[in-house]
Amino acid sequence: MKRVMAVVFVLALCTSVLGGCASQSAVQQLQAQQDQMMQRLNALEQAQPANVQAAQRAEAAAQRAEAAADRAEQMANKAESIFMKHLKK
């Protein structure tokens, strides 16, 4: 009976040790994934100012294009009014 109990305890100890080893490898794998995610986040954080500057430049270019379109429309209206004056004569 003592031998049976000893074998049961040894088997329980072995499964605990094996389970601990398996969980340690899972922990190591999760730590590696966490390190990769942190590297990605750091890269994104470093790229953020460049992205903001690019967005600001794009917005400024859009405003300049809109101003140019407004000037072109005003010139077209002026040309149309001059043309209409000449038609009336």
Protein backbone atom coordinates (compact mmCIF):
# COMPACT_ATOMS: atom_id res chain seq x y z
CA MET A 1 0.00 0.00 0.00
CA LYS A 2 2.85 2.33 0.86
CA ARG A 3 4.45 1.57 -2.48
CA VAL A 4 1.25 2.36 -4.33
CA MET A 5 0.92 5.65 -2.48
CA ALA A 6 4.59 6.44 -3.18
CA VAL A 7 4.09 5.73 -6.90
CA VAL A 8 0.98 7.91 -6.95
CA PHE A 9 2.84 10.76 -5.28
CA VAL A 10 5.80 10.36 -7.65
CA LEU A 11 3.45 10.43 -10.63
CA ALA A 12 1.73 13.52 -9.24
CA LEU A 13 5.08 15.17 -8.72
CA CYS A 14 6.16 14.33 -12.29
CA THR A 15 2.98 15.72 -13.79
CA SER A 16 3.36 18.88 -11.70
CA VAL A 17 6.94 19.31 -12.89
CA LEU A 18 5.97 18.67 -16.51
CA GLY A 19 3.05 21.06 -16.19
CA GLY A 20 5.38 23.68 -14.73
CA CYS A 21 7.80 23.24 -17.62
CA ALA A 22 4.98 23.56 -20.12
CA SER A 23 3.69 26.69 -18.46
CA GLN A 24 7.22 28.18 -18.38
CA SER A 25 7.55 27.71 -22.14
CA ALA A 26 4.14 29.32 -22.59
CA VAL A 27 5.25 32.24 -20.41
CA GLN A 28 8.43 32.63 -22.42
CA GLN A 29 6.44 32.58 -25.64
CA LEU A 30 4.07 35.24 -24.30
CA GLN A 31 7.01 37.37 -23.20
CA ALA A 32 8.50 37.14 -26.69
CA GLN A 33 5.19 38.21 -28.19
CA GLN A 34 4.99 41.08 -25.72
CA ASP A 35 8.49 42.21 -26.71
CA GLN A 36 7.50 42.18 -30.37
CA MET A 37 4.39 44.23 -29.64
CA MET A 38 6.42 46.75 -27.65
CA GLN A 39 8.87 47.08 -30.54
CA ARG A 40 5.99 47.69 -32.94
CA LEU A 41 4.48 50.28 -30.60
CA ASN A 42 7.82 52.04 -30.26
CA ALA A 43 8.20 52.13 -34.04
CA LEU A 44 4.69 53.59 -34.39
CA GLU A 45 5.40 56.13 -31.69
CA GLN A 46 8.57 57.24 -33.44
CA ALA A 47 6.79 57.48 -36.80
CA GLN A 48 3.91 59.52 -35.39
CA PRO A 49 5.57 62.97 -35.61
CA ALA A 50 6.50 62.36 -39.24
CA ASN A 51 2.92 61.33 -39.99
CA VAL A 52 1.59 64.46 -38.28
CA GLN A 53 3.94 66.67 -40.27
CA ALA A 54 2.91 64.95 -43.51
CA ALA A 55 -0.76 65.49 -42.66
CA GLN A 56 -0.11 69.16 -41.93
CA ARG A 57 1.71 69.57 -45.25
CA ALA A 58 -1.14 67.86 -47.06
CA GLU A 59 -3.66 70.13 -45.36
CA ALA A 60 -1.65 73.22 -46.31
CA ALA A 61 -1.44 72.02 -49.92
CA ALA A 62 -5.19 71.44 -49.98
CA GLN A 63 -5.79 74.97 -48.69
CA ARG A 64 -3.49 76.40 -51.37
CA ALA A 65 -5.29 74.39 -54.05
CA GLU A 66 -8.65 75.61 -52.78
CA ALA A 67 -7.42 79.22 -52.84
CA ALA A 68 -6.15 78.74 -56.41
CA ALA A 69 -9.51 77.28 -57.43
CA ASP A 70 -11.30 80.29 -55.89
CA ARG A 71 -9.04 82.69 -57.80
CA ALA A 72 -9.65 80.78 -61.03
CA GLU A 73 -13.39 80.92 -60.46
CA GLN A 74 -13.23 84.68 -59.84
CA MET A 75 -11.21 85.15 -63.03
CA ALA A 76 -13.72 83.05 -64.97
CA ASN A 77 -16.59 85.15 -63.62
CA LYS A 78 -14.76 88.34 -64.57
CA ALA A 79 -14.06 87.03 -68.06
CA GLU A 80 -17.71 86.04 -68.43
CA SER A 81 -18.91 89.48 -67.36
CA ILE A 82 -16.51 91.15 -69.83
CA PHE A 83 -17.73 88.81 -72.58
CA MET A 84 -21.36 89.62 -71.76
CA LYS A 85 -20.63 93.36 -71.91
CA HIS A 86 -19.11 92.96 -75.36
CA LEU A 87 -22.10 90.91 -76.53
CA LYS A 88 -24.51 93.67 -75.51
CA LYS A 89 -22.67 96.23 -77.64
